[in-house]
PDB file of N, CA and C in Angstrom:
ATOM      1  N   MET A   1     -10.163  -7.651  -5.906  1.00  0.00           N
ATOM      2  CA  MET A   1      -9.147  -6.432  -5.911  1.00  0.00           C
ATOM      3  C   MET A   1      -8.076  -6.866  -5.899  1.00  0.00           C
ATOM      4  N   LYS A   2      -6.255  -5.892  -5.954  1.00  0.00           N
ATOM      5  CA  LYS A   2      -5.524  -5.963  -5.472  1.00  0.00           C
ATOM      6  C   LYS A   2      -4.796  -4.866  -5.305  1.00  0.00           C
ATOM      7  N   VAL A   3      -4.578  -5.041  -4.302  1.00  0.00           N
ATOM      8  CA  VAL A   3      -3.392  -3.151  -3.826  1.00  0.00           C
ATOM      9  C   VAL A   3      -1.339  -3.776  -4.000  1.00  0.00           C
ATOM     10  N   VAL A   4      -1.735  -2.900  -4.120  1.00  0.00           N
ATOM     11  CA  VAL A   4       0.030  -2.866  -4.217  1.00  0.00           C
ATOM     12  C   VAL A   4       0.611  -2.526  -3.045  1.00  0.00           C
ATOM     13  N   MET A   5       1.756  -2.471  -2.122  1.00  0.00           N
ATOM     14  CA  MET A   5       2.171  -1.805  -1.892  1.00  0.00           C
ATOM     15  C   MET A   5       3.971  -1.765  -1.577  1.00  0.00           C
ATOM     16  N   TYR A   6       4.630  -0.494  -2.598  1.00  0.00           N
ATOM     17  CA  TYR A   6       6.043  -0.367  -2.536  1.00  0.00           C
ATOM     18  C   TYR A   6       6.569   0.076  -1.504  1.00  0.00           C
ATOM     19  N   SER A   7       7.140  -0.472  -1.107  1.00  0.00           N
ATOM     20  CA  SER A   7       8.507  -0.985  -0.602  1.00  0.00           C
ATOM     21  C   SER A   7       9.430  -1.461  -0.488  1.00  0.00           C
ATOM     22  N   LYS A   8      10.807  -1.640   1.221  1.00  0.00           N
ATOM     23  CA  LYS A   8      11.430  -2.634   0.772  1.00  0.00           C
ATOM     24  C   LYS A   8      11.852  -3.156   1.874  1.00  0.00           C
ATOM     25  N   GLU A   9      13.142  -3.864   2.643  1.00  0.00           N
ATOM     26  CA  GLU A   9      13.299  -4.987   3.740  1.00  0.00           C
ATOM     27  C   GLU A   9      13.845  -3.831   4.455  1.00  0.00           C
ATOM     28  N   ASN A  10      13.897  -4.514   5.959  1.00  0.00           N
ATOM     29  CA  ASN A  10      14.239  -3.820   7.200  1.00  0.00           C
ATOM     30  C   ASN A  10      14.086  -2.427   7.205  1.00  0.00           C
ATOM     31  N   CYS A  11      12.443  -1.995   7.110  1.00  0.00           N
ATOM     32  CA  CYS A  11      12.164  -0.211   6.740  1.00  0.00           C
ATOM     33  C   CYS A  11      10.065  -1.048   8.050  1.00  0.00           C
ATOM     34  N   CYS A  12      10.059   0.008   9.160  1.00  0.00           N
ATOM     35  CA  CYS A  12       9.628  -0.189  10.015  1.00  0.00           C
ATOM     36  C   CYS A  12       8.301   0.464   9.465  1.00  0.00           C
ATOM     37  N   LEU A  13       8.134   1.573   9.079  1.00  0.00           N
ATOM     38  CA  LEU A  13       7.237   2.027   8.158  1.00  0.00           C
ATOM     39  C   LEU A  13       6.098   0.861   7.537  1.00  0.00           C
ATOM     40  N   CYS A  14       7.678  -0.168   6.443  1.00  0.00           N
ATOM     41  CA  CYS A  14       5.966  -1.000   5.730  1.00  0.00           C
ATOM     42  C   CYS A  14       5.863  -2.275   6.604  1.00  0.00           C
ATOM     43  N   ASP A  15       6.715  -2.183   7.985  1.00  0.00           N
ATOM     44  CA  ASP A  15       6.452  -3.394   8.503  1.00  0.00           C
ATOM     45  C   ASP A  15       4.371  -2.678   9.266  1.00  0.00           C
ATOM     46  N   ASN A  16       4.495  -2.040   9.600  1.00  0.00           N
ATOM     47  CA  ASN A  16       3.358  -1.174  10.185  1.00  0.00           C
ATOM     48  C   ASN A  16       2.375  -0.899   8.474  1.00  0.00           C
ATOM     49  N   ALA A  17       2.817  -0.854   7.702  1.00  0.00           N
ATOM     50  CA  ALA A  17       2.226  -0.559   6.257  1.00  0.00           C
ATOM     51  C   ALA A  17       1.005  -1.969   5.881  1.00  0.00           C
ATOM     52  N   LYS A  18       2.211  -2.746   6.226  1.00  0.00           N
ATOM     53  CA  LYS A  18       1.834  -4.143   5.850  1.00  0.00           C
ATOM     54  C   LYS A  18       0.939  -4.910   6.933  1.00  0.00           C
ATOM     55  N   ALA A  19       0.572  -4.474   8.445  1.00  0.00           N
ATOM     56  CA  ALA A  19       0.189  -4.759   8.941  1.00  0.00           C
ATOM     57  C   ALA A  19      -0.984  -4.247   8.890  1.00  0.00           C
ATOM     58  N   VAL A  20      -1.492  -3.444   9.073  1.00  0.00           N
ATOM     59  CA  VAL A  20      -2.449  -1.933   8.160  1.00  0.00           C
ATOM     60  C   VAL A  20      -3.113  -2.966   7.573  1.00  0.00           C
ATOM     61  N   LEU A  21      -2.947  -2.786   6.212  1.00  0.00           N
ATOM     62  CA  LEU A  21      -3.178  -4.126   5.248  1.00  0.00           C
ATOM     63  C   LEU A  21      -4.190  -5.004   5.667  1.00  0.00           C
ATOM     64  N   HIS A  22      -3.187  -5.296   6.372  1.00  0.00           N
ATOM     65  CA  HIS A  22      -3.095  -6.709   6.669  1.00  0.00           C
ATOM     66  C   HIS A  22      -5.161  -7.092   7.513  1.00  0.00           C
ATOM     67  N   GLU A  23      -4.756  -5.779   8.234  1.00  0.00           N
ATOM     68  CA  GLU A  23      -5.908  -5.630   9.447  1.00  0.00           C
ATOM     69  C   GLU A  23      -7.323  -5.267   8.600  1.00  0.00           C
ATOM     70  N   LEU A  24      -7.804  -5.030   7.171  1.00  0.00           N
ATOM     71  CA  LEU A  24      -8.158  -4.363   6.378  1.00  0.00           C
ATOM     72  C   LEU A  24      -8.835  -5.385   5.906  1.00  0.00           C
ATOM     73  N   GLN A  25      -7.526  -6.460   5.746  1.00  0.00           N
ATOM     74  CA  GLN A  25      -8.194  -7.656   4.642  1.00  0.00           C
ATOM     75  C   GLN A  25      -9.225  -8.143   5.170  1.00  0.00           C
ATOM     76  N   GLN A  26      -9.551  -8.347   7.356  1.00  0.00           N
ATOM     77  CA  GLN A  26     -10.621  -8.715   7.696  1.00  0.00           C
ATOM     78  C   GLN A  26     -11.767  -8.312   7.388  1.00  0.00           C
ATOM     79  N   GLU A  27     -11.967  -6.846   6.935  1.00  0.00           N
ATOM     80  CA  GLU A  27     -13.265  -5.671   6.468  1.00  0.00           C
ATOM     81  C   GLU A  27     -13.867  -6.614   4.756  1.00  0.00           C
ATOM     82  N   PHE A  28     -12.596  -6.334   3.982  1.00  0.00           N
ATOM     83  CA  PHE A  28     -13.311  -5.987   2.914  1.00  0.00           C
ATOM     84  C   PHE A  28     -11.782  -7.277   2.120  1.00  0.00           C
ATOM     85  N   SER A  29     -12.290  -7.039   1.177  1.00  0.00           N
ATOM     86  CA  SER A  29     -11.688  -8.602   0.040  1.00  0.00           C
ATOM     87  C   SER A  29     -10.438  -7.935  -1.050  1.00  0.00           C
ATOM     88  N   PHE A  30      -9.284  -7.886  -0.464  1.00  0.00           N
ATOM     89  CA  PHE A  30      -8.104  -7.717  -1.460  1.00  0.00           C
ATOM     90  C   PHE A  30      -7.401  -8.608  -1.551  1.00  0.00           C
ATOM     91  N   THR A  31      -5.952  -8.563  -2.419  1.00  0.00           N
ATOM     92  CA  THR A  31      -4.946  -8.971  -2.201  1.00  0.00           C
ATOM     93  C   THR A  31      -4.130  -7.812  -1.977  1.00  0.00           C
ATOM     94  N   ILE A  32      -3.244  -7.773  -1.329  1.00  0.00           N
ATOM     95  CA  ILE A  32      -1.919  -7.211  -1.083  1.00  0.00           C
ATOM     96  C   ILE A  32      -0.687  -8.103  -2.377  1.00  0.00           C
ATOM     97  N   GLU A  33       0.007  -7.371  -3.415  1.00  0.00           N
ATOM     98  CA  GLU A  33       1.098  -7.598  -3.882  1.00  0.00           C
ATOM     99  C   GLU A  33       2.083  -6.049  -3.389  1.00  0.00           C
ATOM    100  N   GLU A  34       3.219  -6.727  -2.760  1.00  0.00           N
ATOM    101  CA  GLU A  34       4.557  -6.352  -1.648  1.00  0.00           C
ATOM    102  C   GLU A  34       5.245  -6.029  -3.032  1.00  0.00           C
ATOM    103  N   ILE A  35       6.071  -4.675  -3.420  1.00  0.00           N
ATOM    104  CA  ILE A  35       6.830  -5.250  -4.192  1.00  0.00           C
ATOM    105  C   ILE A  35       7.844  -3.807  -4.023  1.00  0.00           C
ATOM    106  N   ASP A  36       9.287  -4.474  -4.152  1.00  0.00           N
ATOM    107  CA  ASP A  36      10.625  -3.955  -2.868  1.00  0.00           C
ATOM    108  C   ASP A  36      11.033  -3.068  -4.200  1.00  0.00           C
ATOM    109  N   ILE A  37      10.988  -2.015  -3.544  1.00  0.00           N
ATOM    110  CA  ILE A  37      11.798  -1.151  -5.118  1.00  0.00           C
ATOM    111  C   ILE A  37      12.682  -1.057  -5.661  1.00  0.00           C
ATOM    112  N   TYR A  38      13.373  -1.912  -4.511  1.00  0.00           N
ATOM    113  CA  TYR A  38      14.918  -2.126  -4.542  1.00  0.00           C
ATOM    114  C   TYR A  38      15.615  -3.041  -5.945  1.00  0.00           C
ATOM    115  N   LYS A  39      14.458  -3.601  -6.375  1.00  0.00           N
ATOM    116  CA  LYS A  39      14.409  -4.354  -7.039  1.00  0.00           C
ATOM    117  C   LYS A  39      14.563  -3.977  -8.900  1.00  0.00           C
ATOM    118  N   ASP A  40      14.265  -2.920  -8.990  1.00  0.00           N
ATOM    119  CA  ASP A  40      13.888  -1.961  -9.666  1.00  0.00           C
ATOM    120  C   ASP A  40      14.161  -0.635 -10.036  1.00  0.00           C
ATOM    121  N   ASP A  41      15.307  -0.098 -10.903  1.00  0.00           N
ATOM    122  CA  ASP A  41      16.090   0.878 -10.051  1.00  0.00           C
ATOM    123  C   ASP A  41      15.184   2.664 -10.687  1.00  0.00           C
ATOM    124  N   ALA A  42      14.183   2.145 -11.397  1.00  0.00           N
ATOM    125  CA  ALA A  42      12.845   2.991 -11.372  1.00  0.00           C
ATOM    126  C   ALA A  42      11.964   2.775 -10.647  1.00  0.00           C
ATOM    127  N   LEU A  43      11.712   2.241 -10.182  1.00  0.00           N
ATOM    128  CA  LEU A  43      10.823   2.699  -9.124  1.00  0.00           C
ATOM    129  C   LEU A  43      11.547   2.926  -7.517  1.00  0.00           C
ATOM    130  N   LEU A  44      13.065   2.077  -7.521  1.00  0.00           N
ATOM    131  CA  LEU A  44      13.604   2.845  -6.846  1.00  0.00           C
ATOM    132  C   LEU A  44      14.193   4.522  -7.173  1.00  0.00           C
ATOM    133  N   GLU A  45      14.341   4.924  -7.911  1.00  0.00           N
ATOM    134  CA  GLU A  45      14.297   6.369  -8.545  1.00  0.00           C
ATOM    135  C   GLU A  45      13.004   7.303  -7.694  1.00  0.00           C
ATOM    136  N   LYS A  46      11.775   6.676  -8.520  1.00  0.00           N
ATOM    137  CA  LYS A  46      10.783   7.094  -8.693  1.00  0.00           C
ATOM    138  C   LYS A  46      10.184   7.477  -6.583  1.00  0.00           C
ATOM    139  N   TYR A  47      10.388   6.481  -5.877  1.00  0.00           N
ATOM    140  CA  TYR A  47       9.448   6.036  -4.195  1.00  0.00           C
ATOM    141  C   TYR A  47      10.893   6.349  -3.751  1.00  0.00           C
ATOM    142  N   GLN A  48      11.980   6.920  -3.530  1.00  0.00           N
ATOM    143  CA  GLN A  48      13.150   5.905  -3.028  1.00  0.00           C
ATOM    144  C   GLN A  48      13.201   6.819  -1.600  1.00  0.00           C
ATOM    145  N   ILE A  49      11.969   7.760  -1.061  1.00  0.00           N
ATOM    146  CA  ILE A  49      12.297   8.286   0.178  1.00  0.00           C
ATOM    147  C   ILE A  49      10.256   8.810   0.368  1.00  0.00           C
ATOM    148  N   MET A  50       9.551   7.839  -0.458  1.00  0.00           N
ATOM    149  CA  MET A  50       8.377   7.679  -0.088  1.00  0.00           C
ATOM    150  C   MET A  50       8.055   6.492   0.899  1.00  0.00           C
ATOM    151  N   ILE A  51       8.313   5.541   0.486  1.00  0.00           N
ATOM    152  CA  ILE A  51       8.014   4.338   0.513  1.00  0.00           C
ATOM    153  C   ILE A  51       7.841   4.101   2.293  1.00  0.00           C
ATOM    154  N   PRO A  52       6.373   3.500   2.976  1.00  0.00           N
ATOM    155  CA  PRO A  52       6.407   3.153   2.003  1.00  0.00           C
ATOM    156  C   PRO A  52       5.265   3.842   0.897  1.00  0.00           C
ATOM    157  N   VAL A  53       4.479   3.048   0.201  1.00  0.00           N
ATOM    158  CA  VAL A  53       3.058   3.743  -1.324  1.00  0.00           C
ATOM    159  C   VAL A  53       2.178   2.346  -1.041  1.00  0.00           C
ATOM    160  N   VAL A  54       0.640   3.458  -0.675  1.00  0.00           N
ATOM    161  CA  VAL A  54       0.110   2.411  -1.214  1.00  0.00           C
ATOM    162  C   VAL A  54      -0.549   1.940  -2.473  1.00  0.00           C
ATOM    163  N   GLU A  55      -0.979   1.615  -3.276  1.00  0.00           N
ATOM    164  CA  GLU A  55      -2.064   2.097  -5.118  1.00  0.00           C
ATOM    165  C   GLU A  55      -2.915   1.319  -4.377  1.00  0.00           C
ATOM    166  N   MET A  56      -3.852   1.673  -5.336  1.00  0.00           N
ATOM    167  CA  MET A  56      -5.052   0.980  -5.732  1.00  0.00           C
ATOM    168  C   MET A  56      -5.520   1.910  -7.149  1.00  0.00           C
ATOM    169  N   ASP A  57      -5.528   0.931  -7.518  1.00  0.00           N
ATOM    170  CA  ASP A  57      -6.395   1.132  -9.379  1.00  0.00           C
ATOM    171  C   ASP A  57      -5.295   2.216 -10.170  1.00  0.00           C
ATOM    172  N   GLY A  58      -4.267   2.115  -9.610  1.00  0.00           N
ATOM    173  CA  GLY A  58      -3.842   2.482 -10.889  1.00  0.00           C
ATOM    174  C   GLY A  58      -3.022   3.647  -9.196  1.00  0.00           C
ATOM    175  N   GLU A  59      -3.830   4.626  -8.448  1.00  0.00           N
ATOM    176  CA  GLU A  59      -3.546   5.575  -7.842  1.00  0.00           C
ATOM    177  C   GLU A  59      -3.164   5.637  -6.265  1.00  0.00           C
ATOM    178  N   GLU A  60      -1.769   6.563  -6.682  1.00  0.00           N
ATOM    179  CA  GLU A  60      -1.283   5.960  -5.581  1.00  0.00           C
ATOM    180  C   GLU A  60      -1.600   7.137  -4.062  1.00  0.00           C
ATOM    181  N   VAL A  61      -2.270   5.993  -2.980  1.00  0.00           N
ATOM    182  CA  VAL A  61      -3.179   6.164  -1.935  1.00  0.00           C
ATOM    183  C   VAL A  61      -2.948   7.175  -0.705  1.00  0.00           C
ATOM    184  N   GLN A  62      -1.445   6.871  -0.836  1.00  0.00           N
ATOM    185  CA  GLN A  62      -1.476   7.081   0.259  1.00  0.00           C
ATOM    186  C   GLN A  62       0.243   6.864   0.989  1.00  0.00           C
ATOM    187  N   PHE A  63       1.144   7.343   1.141  1.00  0.00           N
ATOM    188  CA  PHE A  63       2.538   7.378   1.703  1.00  0.00           C
ATOM    189  C   PHE A  63       3.009   7.581   2.666  1.00  0.00           C
ATOM    190  N   GLY A  64       4.165   6.767   2.892  1.00  0.00           N
ATOM    191  CA  GLY A  64       5.215   7.143   4.656  1.00  0.00           C
ATOM    192  C   GLY A  64       4.338   6.420   5.968  1.00  0.00           C
ATOM    193  N   ILE A  65       3.602   7.275   6.730  1.00  0.00           N
ATOM    194  CA  ILE A  65       3.182   6.701   7.327  1.00  0.00           C
ATOM    195  C   ILE A  65       1.664   6.097   6.623  1.00  0.00           C
ATOM    196  N   ILE A  66       1.376   5.268   6.733  1.00  0.00           N
ATOM    197  CA  ILE A  66      -0.042   4.637   6.663  1.00  0.00           C
ATOM    198  C   ILE A  66      -0.807   4.752   7.362  1.00  0.00           C
ATOM    199  N   GLN A  67      -2.377   5.338   7.370  1.00  0.00           N
ATOM    200  CA  GLN A  67      -2.717   5.277   7.868  1.00  0.00           C
ATOM    201  C   GLN A  67      -4.121   4.811   7.801  1.00  0.00           C
ATOM    202  N   LYS A  68      -5.044   3.958   8.446  1.00  0.00           N
ATOM    203  CA  LYS A  68      -5.647   3.152   8.809  1.00  0.00           C
ATOM    204  C   LYS A  68      -6.988   3.714   8.580  1.00  0.00           C
ATOM    205  N   ASP A  69      -7.783   4.276   8.632  1.00  0.00           N
ATOM    206  CA  ASP A  69      -8.626   5.381   8.215  1.00  0.00           C
ATOM    207  C   ASP A  69      -9.118   5.851   6.557  1.00  0.00           C
ATOM    208  N   VAL A  70      -7.705   6.601   6.431  1.00  0.00           N
ATOM    209  CA  VAL A  70      -7.688   6.394   5.422  1.00  0.00           C
ATOM    210  C   VAL A  70      -8.037   5.389   4.128  1.00  0.00           C
ATOM    211  N   ILE A  71      -7.089   4.399   4.037  1.00  0.00           N
ATOM    212  CA  ILE A  71      -6.941   3.496   3.177  1.00  0.00           C
ATOM    213  C   ILE A  71      -8.300   2.568   3.409  1.00  0.00           C
ATOM    214  N   ARG A  72      -9.479   2.444   4.522  1.00  0.00           N
ATOM    215  CA  ARG A  72     -10.235   1.879   4.646  1.00  0.00           C
ATOM    216  C   ARG A  72     -11.969   3.354   4.492  1.00  0.00           C
ATOM    217  N   LYS A  73     -10.820   4.092   4.278  1.00  0.00           N
ATOM    218  CA  LYS A  73     -11.804   5.463   3.279  1.00  0.00           C
ATOM    219  C   LYS A  73     -12.140   5.464   2.253  1.00  0.00           C
ATOM    220  N   ARG A  74     -10.522   4.663   1.822  1.00  0.00           N
ATOM    221  CA  ARG A  74     -10.891   4.206  -0.500  1.00  0.00           C
ATOM    222  C   ARG A  74     -11.227   2.994  -0.218  1.00  0.00           C
ATOM    223  N   LEU A  75     -10.913   2.133   0.700  1.00  0.00           N
ATOM    224  CA  LEU A  75     -11.421   0.517   0.240  1.00  0.00           C
ATOM    225  C   LEU A  75     -12.897   0.889   0.240  1.00  0.00           C
ATOM    226  N   THR A  76     -13.420   2.028   1.250  1.00  0.00           N
ATOM    227  CA  THR A  76     -15.096   1.892   1.049  1.00  0.00           C
ATOM    228  C   THR A  76     -15.876   2.334  -0.056  1.00  0.00           C
ATOM    229  N   LYS A  77     -15.461   3.208  -0.755  1.00  0.00           N
ATOM    230  CA  LYS A  77     -15.503   4.270  -1.791  1.00  0.00           C
ATOM    231  C   LYS A  77     -15.815   2.716  -2.436  1.00  0.00           C
ATOM    232  N   VAL A  78     -13.644   2.307  -3.107  1.00  0.00           N
ATOM    233  CA  VAL A  78     -13.861   0.965  -4.317  1.00  0.00           C
ATOM    234  C   VAL A  78     -14.853   0.350  -3.630  1.00  0.00           C
ATOM    235  N   PHE A  79     -15.215  -0.393  -2.951  1.00  0.00           N
ATOM    236  CA  PHE A  79     -16.608  -1.708  -2.720  1.00  0.00           C
ATOM    237  C   PHE A  79     -17.416  -1.363  -3.181  1.00  0.00           C
ATOM    238  N   ALA A  80     -17.934   0.509  -3.284  1.00  0.00           N
ATOM    239  CA  ALA A  80     -19.316   0.504  -2.762  1.00  0.00           C
ATOM    240  C   ALA A  80     -20.070   0.831  -4.127  1.00  0.00           C
ATOM    241  N   VAL A  81     -18.699   1.049  -4.724  1.00  0.00           N
ATOM    242  CA  VAL A  81     -18.708   1.554  -7.148  1.00  0.00           C
ATOM    243  C   VAL A  81     -19.085  -0.297  -7.213  1.00  0.00           C
ATOM    244  N   GLU A  82     -18.570  -0.743  -7.033  1.00  0.00           N
ATOM    245  CA  GLU A  82     -18.291  -2.552  -7.412  1.00  0.00           C
ATOM    246  C   GLU A  82     -19.901  -3.709  -7.102  1.00  0.00           C
TER     247      GLU A  82
END
């Protein structure tokens, strides 16, 4: 499974979100695709003040301050179905 994280450079919230995702990789098997919104005008317009944004299966799961429990809950659901 792939988790997408929309972010930008020099963003402490993005760094924290990335740390949360890396911690959760110890519990769940998934890859992280990090996308810099400043490299795509459409993404910049869509997410400019929302980042970081964590997306799973095409659905925005959480944005801003990423909480480990919220992401863990979603991952638990996803892996229970597989």
